[in-house]
Amino acid sequence: MKYNPHKYQTYATNFILEHPIAAVLLEMGLGKSVITLTAIFDLCLDSFEIGKVLVIAPLRVARDTWPAEIEKWDHLKGLKYTVAVGSEAQRKVALMKRAQVYIINRENVEWLISRSGIPFDFDMVVVDELSSFKSHQAKRFKSLMKVRPLVKRLVGLTGTPSSNSLMDLWAEYRLLDMGQRLGRFIGRYREDYFVPDKRNQQVIYSYKPKPGAEEAIYRKISDITISMKGSDYLKLPELVINEVSVRLSEKEMKILDSMKRDLITVVKGEEITAANAAALSGKLLQMANGAVYDDQGAVIHIHDHKLDALEDVVEGAYGKPVLIAYWFKHDLVRIQNSFDVEVLSSADSIRRWNKGEIPVAIIHPASAGHGLNLQAGGSILVWFGLTWSLELYQQTNARLWRQGQKDTVVIHHLIAKGTIDERVMKALKGKDVRQAAMIEAVKAEINKYKEGLPCGKIGGIAGER
């Protein structure tokens, strides 16, 4: 296919060529892969500045998207690539091939650097979804930092660099520039730009930016960063956000209320307990969906209201393909037992979805949230259960609502009324999906029951200490 780049794509490619360190923050659907591959082609086969490029990406993006992009565009002909995923033996064979571009999934970065026995001789690294390196304590971050001085060029690609808070930016830019802009130590960065927020005496649970900190941080990183929004450059299809209300019975609501009030409830003779606010949030989300894991890991059924609502949505699509996003494993099992669905988990299933051969498909946001092009297969997405992660929520929506989508995109959310679903939906709308927001939502639910209860009725919650 002939590549006719938009002006912003040419600008972004030139930015990568002109900046050995580049943070390219492009919203979903703007073509981060082809922009970067165009620069790689120039560096490897025109200027001969670079010999070997390592592309690090989420598993399915590494396996499917990057190879497909290289094969797709005429101007990339001659750019040789190899994909190092699969078993250890398969990865080693791939890494020993002669190519310009070596593609590996992020879970194997630590293996490649520390345990493969293969010399790290890549002079350029591309990190697709830079936000997955936001934890300075993760093995993948520590491993890549060991070899960072060997890398001449580094490109970080993402649409959500600080999906939870500005604190995320430190590790990402530490990897990019080795601490030149935001400092070499997380403690100093925290001290310079943040003040304690949630705390209990000497224990600090979260931080908030000092006045003017956000602007100061952006000034520090502006020389190696470009940021673009899809709405500024592309005419995206119309997007319709719909909330489908689901109502639980009085008996079912009492089960959820008991869980919120006492951090423990009994369903069909089995005890369900939550040790802290995060665990309670998970239990309440499960219950809103219709089932919950008990303390032994067995699935306890509560209701089928969301399955009924999902049936209505599928029927109301009148034969149009429907994509379902689920969160908990028992949700997947229950949906599979009720509908003829196919999990999008392989390159073949994704291909058949995009060809319109799968009427109802299902994905998990954590495994399909980044990089997959699914817009050719349908325009209807249903969130069976919600997630607190703004990044995964936005990325999953962008699998359908992106450049190349020809129809109006409709995103349905199945919301159990009077449950934590409503608070998660409100948080996603307000883009306030930090851990603190989750804890505050749970606290708000619990506080409804505090007045009038005997002293000591409410157990302590780790998140609010």
Protein backbone atom coordinates (compact mmCIF):
# COMPACT_ATOMS: atom_id res chain seq x y z
CA MET A 1 0.00 0.00 0.00
CA LYS A 2 1.25 3.45 -0.89
CA TYR A 3 1.99 5.64 2.13
CA ASN A 4 0.59 9.16 1.85
CA PRO A 5 1.45 10.64 5.24
CA HIS A 6 -0.53 13.38 6.89
CA LYS A 7 1.48 16.50 7.65
CA TYR A 8 1.59 15.64 11.34
CA GLN A 9 3.00 12.20 10.48
CA THR A 10 5.81 13.72 8.44
CA TYR A 11 6.49 16.15 11.28
CA ALA A 12 6.62 13.35 13.84
CA THR A 13 8.94 11.23 11.68
CA ASN A 14 11.29 14.19 11.24
CA PHE A 15 11.19 14.82 14.97
CA ILE A 16 12.43 11.26 15.60
CA LEU A 17 15.17 11.69 12.99
CA GLU A 18 16.32 14.98 14.48
CA HIS A 19 16.19 13.91 18.14
CA PRO A 20 18.26 10.92 19.32
CA ILE A 21 15.97 10.87 22.37
CA ALA A 22 12.31 11.31 21.47
CA ALA A 23 9.08 10.95 23.43
CA VAL A 24 6.29 10.74 20.88
CA LEU A 25 2.98 11.09 22.69
CA LEU A 26 0.33 10.45 20.07
CA GLU A 27 -3.28 9.59 20.78
CA MET A 28 -4.66 6.28 19.61
CA GLY A 29 -5.18 5.97 15.87
CA LEU A 30 -2.60 8.53 14.74
CA GLY A 31 -0.24 5.92 13.33
CA LYS A 32 2.65 5.73 15.81
CA SER A 33 4.00 2.53 14.24
CA VAL A 34 4.27 3.72 10.63
CA ILE A 35 5.65 7.08 11.76
CA THR A 36 8.43 5.33 13.66
CA LEU A 37 9.10 2.69 10.99
CA THR A 38 9.52 5.42 8.39
CA ALA A 39 12.23 6.98 10.57
CA ILE A 40 13.82 3.57 11.17
CA PHE A 41 13.97 2.90 7.42
CA ASP A 42 15.78 6.20 6.90
CA LEU A 43 18.24 5.58 9.74
CA CYS A 44 18.99 1.99 8.72
CA LEU A 45 18.83 1.98 4.93
CA ASP A 46 19.34 5.60 3.84
CA SER A 47 21.71 7.33 6.27
CA PHE A 48 23.10 4.03 7.64
CA GLU A 49 23.32 5.66 11.06
CA ILE A 50 21.71 2.68 12.80
CA GLY A 51 22.43 -1.03 12.37
CA LYS A 52 20.06 -2.85 14.73
CA VAL A 53 16.78 -1.67 16.22
CA LEU A 54 15.03 -3.34 19.16
CA VAL A 55 11.27 -2.73 19.31
CA ILE A 56 9.69 -3.52 22.69
CA ALA A 57 5.90 -3.81 22.67
CA PRO A 58 2.95 -5.55 24.35
CA LEU A 59 2.82 -9.21 23.30
CA ARG A 60 0.08 -9.08 20.68
CA VAL A 61 1.29 -5.77 19.34
CA ALA A 62 4.79 -7.24 18.97
CA ARG A 63 3.49 -10.43 17.37
CA ASP A 64 0.82 -8.94 15.11
CA THR A 65 0.81 -5.15 14.70
CA TRP A 66 4.46 -4.27 14.02
CA PRO A 67 5.02 -7.08 11.49
CA ALA A 68 1.72 -6.21 9.78
CA GLU A 69 2.76 -2.54 9.51
CA ILE A 70 6.12 -3.41 7.96
CA GLU A 71 4.45 -5.72 5.43
CA LYS A 72 1.67 -3.26 4.68
CA TRP A 73 3.51 -0.20 3.36
CA ASP A 74 5.34 -0.08 0.03
CA HIS A 75 7.95 2.42 1.21
CA LEU A 76 9.17 -0.01 3.89
CA LYS A 77 10.10 -2.74 1.39
CA GLY A 78 13.61 -3.96 2.12
CA LEU A 79 13.35 -3.42 5.86
CA LYS A 80 14.02 -6.84 7.34
CA TYR A 81 12.48 -7.79 10.67
CA THR A 82 12.28 -10.74 13.04
CA VAL A 83 9.83 -11.35 15.88
CA ALA A 84 11.23 -12.81 19.12
CA VAL A 85 8.16 -14.17 20.89
CA GLY A 86 7.14 -17.67 21.92
CA SER A 87 9.31 -20.25 23.66
CA GLU A 88 12.88 -19.52 24.70
CA ALA A 89 14.19 -21.60 21.79
CA GLN A 90 11.98 -19.71 19.33
CA ARG A 91 13.08 -16.36 20.71
CA LYS A 92 16.76 -17.28 20.42
CA VAL A 93 16.36 -18.41 16.82
CA ALA A 94 14.60 -15.14 15.97
CA LEU A 95 17.27 -13.03 17.67
CA MET A 96 20.07 -14.78 15.81
CA LYS A 97 18.62 -13.90 12.39
CA ARG A 98 20.09 -11.05 10.34
CA ALA A 99 17.69 -8.12 10.27
CA GLN A 100 17.39 -4.40 10.91
CA VAL A 101 14.39 -4.61 13.27
CA TYR A 102 14.09 -7.08 16.15
CA ILE A 103 10.67 -7.12 17.82
CA ILE A 104 10.18 -8.52 21.32
CA ASN A 105 7.38 -8.41 23.88
CA ARG A 106 8.02 -6.38 27.02
CA GLU A 107 7.68 -9.40 29.33
CA ASN A 108 10.91 -10.79 27.84
CA VAL A 109 13.08 -7.69 28.17
CA GLU A 110 14.61 -8.90 31.44
CA TRP A 111 15.25 -12.34 29.88
CA LEU A 112 16.92 -10.82 26.82
CA ILE A 113 19.25 -8.61 28.81
CA SER A 114 20.01 -10.74 31.86
CA ARG A 115 19.45 -14.39 30.98
CA SER A 116 19.47 -15.05 27.23
CA GLY A 117 23.24 -15.03 26.84
CA ILE A 118 22.83 -12.97 23.64
CA PRO A 119 24.95 -9.78 23.51
CA PHE A 120 22.93 -6.58 23.68
CA ASP A 121 24.22 -4.81 20.56
CA PHE A 122 21.20 -2.73 19.58
CA ASP A 123 22.07 0.88 18.85
CA MET A 124 18.41 2.01 18.77
CA VAL A 125 15.49 1.02 21.00
CA VAL A 126 11.81 1.79 20.45
CA VAL A 127 9.53 1.34 23.45
CA ASP A 128 5.97 1.01 22.22
CA GLU A 129 3.69 1.98 25.12
CA LEU A 130 6.29 3.80 27.17
CA SER A 131 3.74 3.95 29.99
CA SER A 132 4.40 0.25 30.67
CA PHE A 133 7.83 1.35 32.01
CA LYS A 134 6.37 3.76 34.56
CA SER A 135 7.45 1.64 37.55
CA HIS A 136 11.10 2.14 38.49
CA GLN A 137 10.91 -1.02 40.60
CA ALA A 138 9.88 -3.35 37.76
CA LYS A 139 12.38 -5.85 36.39
CA ARG A 140 11.85 -4.65 32.83
CA PHE A 141 12.79 -1.09 33.83
CA LYS A 142 15.85 -2.09 35.82
CA SER A 143 17.07 -4.40 33.07
CA LEU A 144 16.73 -1.81 30.32
CA MET A 145 18.47 0.80 32.47
CA LYS A 146 21.52 -1.52 32.69
CA VAL A 147 22.07 -1.33 28.94
CA ARG A 148 20.70 2.17 28.39
CA PRO A 149 24.22 3.73 28.03
CA LEU A 150 24.84 1.41 25.04
CA VAL A 151 21.87 2.79 23.11
CA LYS A 152 22.47 5.70 20.71
CA ARG A 153 18.82 6.40 19.99
CA LEU A 154 15.71 5.78 22.08
CA VAL A 155 12.11 6.46 21.09
CA GLY A 156 9.23 6.22 23.57
CA LEU A 157 5.73 5.89 22.10
CA THR A 158 2.50 6.22 24.06
CA GLY A 159 -0.85 7.93 24.10
CA THR A 160 -1.12 8.00 27.90
CA PRO A 161 2.24 8.93 29.50
CA SER A 162 0.78 9.74 32.92
CA SER A 163 -2.46 7.78 33.06
CA ASN A 164 -2.50 7.68 36.86
CA SER A 165 -0.46 10.71 37.92
CA LEU A 166 2.50 12.91 37.05
CA MET A 167 4.58 10.62 39.26
CA ASP A 168 4.54 8.11 36.38
CA LEU A 169 6.64 10.42 34.22
CA TRP A 170 9.81 10.09 36.29
CA ALA A 171 10.64 6.48 35.38
CA GLU A 172 9.66 6.98 31.74
CA TYR A 173 11.96 9.98 31.30
CA ARG A 174 14.69 8.44 33.47
CA LEU A 175 14.78 5.70 30.86
CA LEU A 176 14.75 8.16 27.98
CA ASP A 177 17.42 10.66 29.08
CA MET A 178 19.03 8.86 32.05
CA GLY A 179 17.86 11.52 34.48
CA GLN A 180 18.92 14.72 32.71
CA ARG A 181 15.54 16.44 32.90
CA LEU A 182 13.57 15.06 35.83
CA GLY A 183 16.52 13.92 37.93
CA ARG A 184 18.27 10.64 38.61
CA PHE A 185 16.37 9.83 41.81
CA ILE A 186 12.64 9.41 42.39
CA GLY A 187 12.94 10.86 45.90
CA ARG A 188 14.35 14.15 44.63
CA TYR A 189 11.70 14.33 41.89
CA ARG A 190 8.99 13.77 44.49
CA GLU A 191 10.52 16.39 46.78
CA ASP A 192 10.82 19.00 44.01
CA TYR A 193 7.35 18.70 42.52
CA PHE A 194 4.97 17.03 44.99
CA VAL A 195 3.61 17.28 48.52
CA PRO A 196 2.03 14.49 50.62
CA ASP A 197 -1.67 13.98 50.03
CA LYS A 198 -3.23 10.92 51.70
CA ARG A 199 -1.40 9.92 54.86
CA ASN A 200 -1.72 8.39 58.31
CA GLN A 201 0.73 9.97 60.70
CA GLN A 202 4.16 9.16 59.20
CA VAL A 203 2.87 6.82 56.48
CA ILE A 204 2.20 8.61 53.17
CA TYR A 205 -0.09 6.86 50.69
CA SER A 206 -0.19 9.35 47.85
CA TYR A 207 1.20 12.67 46.66
CA LYS A 208 -0.26 15.63 44.81
CA PRO A 209 1.58 18.13 42.60
CA LYS A 210 2.74 21.43 44.08
CA PRO A 211 1.20 24.56 42.56
CA GLY A 212 2.80 25.11 39.16
CA ALA A 213 4.51 21.70 39.21
CA GLU A 214 2.70 20.37 36.16
CA GLU A 215 3.79 23.31 34.01
CA ALA A 216 7.35 23.10 35.35
CA ILE A 217 7.60 19.37 34.55
CA TYR A 218 6.29 19.90 31.03
CA ARG A 219 8.83 22.68 30.43
CA LYS A 220 11.64 20.36 31.52
CA ILE A 221 10.72 17.64 29.03
CA SER A 222 9.42 19.80 26.17
CA ASP A 223 12.61 19.74 24.09
CA ILE A 224 12.45 15.96 23.51
CA THR A 225 8.66 15.57 23.53
CA ILE A 226 5.89 16.01 20.99
CA SER A 227 2.24 15.50 21.84
CA MET A 228 -0.70 15.35 19.47
CA LYS A 229 -4.41 14.68 19.81
CA GLY A 230 -6.36 12.77 17.22
CA SER A 231 -9.16 15.32 17.22
CA ASP A 232 -6.68 17.99 16.11
CA TYR A 233 -5.54 16.10 13.03
CA LEU A 234 -8.09 13.47 12.06
CA LYS A 235 -11.77 13.46 11.31
CA LEU A 236 -12.76 10.58 13.57
CA PRO A 237 -16.15 8.90 13.25
CA GLU A 238 -18.99 9.94 15.52
CA LEU A 239 -18.77 8.42 19.00
CA VAL A 240 -21.85 7.55 21.05
CA ILE A 241 -21.38 6.72 24.74
CA ASN A 242 -24.32 4.81 26.19
CA GLU A 243 -25.06 3.60 29.71
CA VAL A 244 -27.34 0.58 30.02
CA SER A 245 -28.91 0.48 33.48
CA VAL A 246 -29.10 -2.87 35.24
CA ARG A 247 -31.17 -3.21 38.41
CA LEU A 248 -30.51 -5.74 41.11
CA SER A 249 -33.26 -7.16 43.30
CA GLU A 250 -33.65 -6.09 46.91
CA LYS A 251 -32.19 -9.41 48.08
CA GLU A 252 -29.16 -9.03 45.82
CA MET A 253 -28.56 -5.45 46.95
CA LYS A 254 -28.58 -6.62 50.58
CA ILE A 255 -25.66 -8.94 49.77
CA LEU A 256 -23.66 -6.01 48.36
CA ASP A 257 -24.67 -3.76 51.25
CA SER A 258 -23.49 -6.38 53.75
CA MET A 259 -20.14 -6.53 51.96
CA LYS A 260 -19.74 -2.76 52.04
CA ARG A 261 -20.77 -2.49 55.64
CA ASP A 262 -18.89 -5.36 57.26
CA LEU A 263 -16.21 -6.34 54.70
CA ILE A 264 -17.81 -9.76 54.83
CA THR A 265 -20.96 -11.35 53.49
CA VAL A 266 -22.43 -14.81 53.01
CA VAL A 267 -23.67 -16.01 49.62
CA LYS A 268 -25.25 -19.44 49.36
CA GLY A 269 -23.59 -20.47 52.61
CA GLU A 270 -20.09 -19.37 51.52
CA GLU A 271 -18.20 -16.54 53.21
CA ILE A 272 -16.86 -13.71 51.05
CA THR A 273 -14.37 -11.42 52.81
CA ALA A 274 -12.22 -8.43 51.86
CA ALA A 275 -9.00 -7.57 53.67
CA ASN A 276 -8.72 -3.93 52.56
CA ALA A 277 -10.17 -1.23 50.33
CA ALA A 278 -8.59 -2.52 47.13
CA ALA A 279 -9.89 -6.05 47.76
CA LEU A 280 -13.32 -4.68 48.66
CA SER A 281 -13.45 -2.72 45.41
CA GLY A 282 -12.73 -5.89 43.45
CA LYS A 283 -15.38 -7.88 45.30
CA LEU A 284 -18.01 -5.18 44.79
CA LEU A 285 -17.23 -4.95 41.07
CA GLN A 286 -17.52 -8.73 40.74
CA MET A 287 -20.85 -8.75 42.57
CA ALA A 288 -22.20 -5.99 40.36
CA ASN A 289 -21.31 -8.18 37.36
CA GLY A 290 -23.19 -11.16 38.82
CA ALA A 291 -20.68 -13.50 40.47
CA VAL A 292 -17.83 -13.41 42.97
CA TYR A 293 -14.90 -15.54 44.08
CA ASP A 294 -15.23 -16.89 47.62
CA ASP A 295 -12.30 -17.16 50.03
CA GLN A 296 -11.28 -20.51 48.49
CA GLY A 297 -11.37 -19.19 44.92
CA ALA A 298 -14.63 -20.87 43.93
CA VAL A 299 -17.12 -18.85 41.87
CA ILE A 300 -20.40 -17.99 43.64
CA HIS A 301 -23.26 -16.98 41.35
CA ILE A 302 -25.41 -14.02 42.44
CA HIS A 303 -27.45 -12.81 39.47
CA ASP A 304 -27.70 -12.74 35.65
CA HIS A 305 -28.96 -9.20 35.11
CA LYS A 306 -25.93 -8.10 33.11
CA LEU A 307 -26.15 -11.19 30.92
CA ASP A 308 -29.78 -10.30 30.20
CA ALA A 309 -28.78 -6.73 29.36
CA LEU A 310 -25.97 -8.00 27.14
CA GLU A 311 -28.46 -10.19 25.27
CA ASP A 312 -30.61 -7.14 24.63
CA VAL A 313 -27.62 -5.21 23.26
CA VAL A 314 -26.54 -8.07 20.97
CA GLU A 315 -30.09 -8.50 19.67
CA GLY A 316 -30.42 -4.74 19.24
CA ALA A 317 -27.33 -4.71 17.03
CA TYR A 318 -29.42 -6.47 14.34
CA GLY A 319 -26.61 -8.63 13.08
CA LYS A 320 -23.82 -6.06 13.33
CA PRO A 321 -20.65 -7.44 14.96
CA VAL A 322 -20.37 -6.81 18.70
CA LEU A 323 -17.14 -6.66 20.71
CA ILE A 324 -17.39 -7.35 24.47
CA ALA A 325 -14.84 -6.21 27.06
CA TYR A 326 -14.70 -8.29 30.24
CA TRP A 327 -12.57 -8.00 33.38
CA PHE A 328 -12.93 -11.08 35.62
CA LYS A 329 -12.38 -14.67 34.46
CA HIS A 330 -15.74 -15.79 35.77
CA ASP A 331 -17.35 -13.07 33.61
CA LEU A 332 -15.74 -14.67 30.55
CA VAL A 333 -16.96 -18.13 31.50
CA ARG A 334 -20.52 -16.96 32.13
CA ILE A 335 -20.60 -15.01 28.85
CA GLN A 336 -19.25 -18.02 26.94
CA ASN A 337 -21.94 -20.21 28.52
CA SER A 338 -24.66 -17.79 27.41
CA PHE A 339 -23.48 -16.62 23.97
CA ASP A 340 -21.67 -17.96 20.94
CA VAL A 341 -18.58 -15.77 21.31
CA GLU A 342 -14.95 -16.03 20.25
CA VAL A 343 -12.04 -14.70 22.28
CA LEU A 344 -9.72 -12.47 20.23
CA SER A 345 -6.50 -14.08 21.36
CA SER A 346 -4.65 -15.02 18.18
CA ALA A 347 -3.55 -13.40 14.95
CA ASP A 348 -6.04 -15.60 13.07
CA SER A 349 -8.99 -14.57 15.26
CA ILE A 350 -8.10 -10.89 14.85
CA ARG A 351 -7.85 -11.35 11.07
CA ARG A 352 -11.25 -13.06 10.93
CA TRP A 353 -12.81 -10.36 13.13
CA ASN A 354 -11.53 -7.65 10.77
CA LYS A 355 -12.94 -9.59 7.81
CA GLY A 356 -16.37 -9.59 9.46
CA GLU A 357 -16.42 -13.33 10.07
CA ILE A 358 -17.01 -13.19 13.85
CA PRO A 359 -20.47 -11.89 14.92
CA VAL A 360 -19.68 -11.62 18.65
CA ALA A 361 -16.12 -11.38 19.98
CA ILE A 362 -14.70 -10.82 23.44
CA ILE A 363 -11.44 -9.31 24.69
CA HIS A 364 -9.73 -8.48 27.96
CA PRO A 365 -8.52 -4.86 28.12
CA ALA A 366 -5.16 -5.81 29.66
CA SER A 367 -4.27 -8.08 26.75
CA ALA A 368 -5.90 -6.23 23.88
CA GLY A 369 -5.87 -2.62 25.03
CA HIS A 370 -2.78 -1.51 23.11
CA GLY A 371 -2.02 -1.35 19.45
CA LEU A 372 -4.53 -3.76 17.94
CA ASN A 373 -6.43 -2.57 14.87
CA LEU A 374 -9.97 -3.89 15.19
CA GLN A 375 -11.90 -1.08 13.51
CA ALA A 376 -12.52 -3.01 10.29
CA GLY A 377 -14.52 -5.71 12.08
CA GLY A 378 -17.21 -3.68 13.82
CA SER A 379 -18.25 -0.49 15.56
CA ILE A 380 -20.09 -1.68 18.69
CA LEU A 381 -18.28 -2.23 22.00
CA VAL A 382 -19.92 -3.40 25.23
CA TRP A 383 -18.23 -3.02 28.62
CA PHE A 384 -19.65 -5.96 30.60
CA GLY A 385 -17.59 -4.96 33.66
CA LEU A 386 -15.71 -1.73 34.29
CA THR A 387 -12.09 -1.05 35.18
CA TRP A 388 -10.51 1.72 37.23
CA SER A 389 -7.68 2.01 34.68
CA LEU A 390 -8.24 5.05 32.49
CA GLU A 391 -5.38 3.94 30.24
CA LEU A 392 -6.85 0.49 29.52
CA TYR A 393 -10.34 1.98 29.17
CA GLN A 394 -9.26 4.56 26.60
CA GLN A 395 -6.99 2.17 24.73
CA THR A 396 -9.69 -0.48 24.46
CA ASN A 397 -12.23 2.04 23.17
CA ALA A 398 -9.66 3.16 20.61
CA ARG A 399 -9.51 -0.31 19.05
CA LEU A 400 -12.77 0.64 17.30
CA TRP A 401 -12.88 4.45 17.53
CA ARG A 402 -9.87 5.26 15.39
CA GLN A 403 -8.72 6.25 11.93
CA GLY A 404 -10.14 3.88 9.31
CA GLN A 405 -13.45 3.29 11.12
CA LYS A 406 -16.27 3.94 8.66
CA ASP A 407 -19.28 3.76 10.98
CA THR A 408 -20.52 5.57 14.04
CA VAL A 409 -18.93 3.90 17.09
CA VAL A 410 -21.30 2.99 19.91
CA ILE A 411 -19.82 2.10 23.30
CA HIS A 412 -22.26 0.56 25.78
CA HIS A 413 -21.54 0.31 29.52
CA LEU A 414 -23.59 -2.14 31.59
CA ILE A 415 -24.06 -0.25 34.88
CA ALA A 416 -25.60 -1.92 37.91
CA LYS A 417 -27.59 0.85 39.59
CA GLY A 418 -26.78 1.67 43.20
CA THR A 419 -23.44 -0.18 43.04
CA ILE A 420 -19.77 0.73 42.70
CA ASP A 421 -20.25 0.61 38.91
CA GLU A 422 -21.70 4.13 39.09
CA ARG A 423 -18.64 5.47 40.92
CA VAL A 424 -16.21 3.87 38.48
CA MET A 425 -18.15 5.31 35.54
CA LYS A 426 -18.09 8.75 37.14
CA ALA A 427 -14.35 8.46 37.75
CA LEU A 428 -13.69 7.44 34.13
CA LYS A 429 -15.74 10.37 32.88
CA GLY A 430 -13.78 12.72 35.11
CA LYS A 431 -10.48 10.98 34.24
CA ASP A 432 -9.91 10.64 37.99
CA VAL A 433 -8.82 7.01 38.15
CA ARG A 434 -5.93 7.06 40.54
CA GLN A 435 -5.73 4.47 43.30
CA ALA A 436 -6.85 7.23 45.65
CA ALA A 437 -10.08 7.66 43.68
CA MET A 438 -10.86 3.98 44.06
CA ILE A 439 -10.26 4.10 47.80
CA GLU A 440 -12.34 7.26 48.20
CA ALA A 441 -15.20 5.61 46.31
CA VAL A 442 -15.11 2.57 48.59
CA LYS A 443 -14.92 4.79 51.67
CA ALA A 444 -17.93 6.74 50.45
CA GLU A 445 -19.90 3.52 50.17
CA ILE A 446 -18.85 2.39 53.63
CA ASN A 447 -19.52 5.75 55.31
CA LYS A 448 -23.21 5.41 54.49
CA TYR A 449 -23.41 2.69 57.14
CA LYS A 450 -21.27 4.10 59.91
CA GLU A 451 -23.87 6.21 61.67
CA GLY A 452 -25.93 4.35 64.19
CA LEU A 453 -23.86 1.17 64.17
CA PRO A 454 -22.32 -0.20 67.38
CA CYS A 455 -18.75 0.90 68.08
CA GLY A 456 -16.28 -1.35 66.29
CA LYS A 457 -18.81 -2.59 63.73
CA ILE A 458 -16.73 -1.27 60.81
CA GLY A 459 -13.38 -2.95 60.43
CA GLY A 460 -10.27 -0.94 59.56
CA ILE A 461 -9.49 -0.51 55.90
CA ALA A 462 -5.84 -0.41 54.90
CA GLY A 463 -6.44 2.12 52.18
CA GLU A 464 -7.87 4.80 54.47
CA ARG A 465 -5.23 4.63 57.17
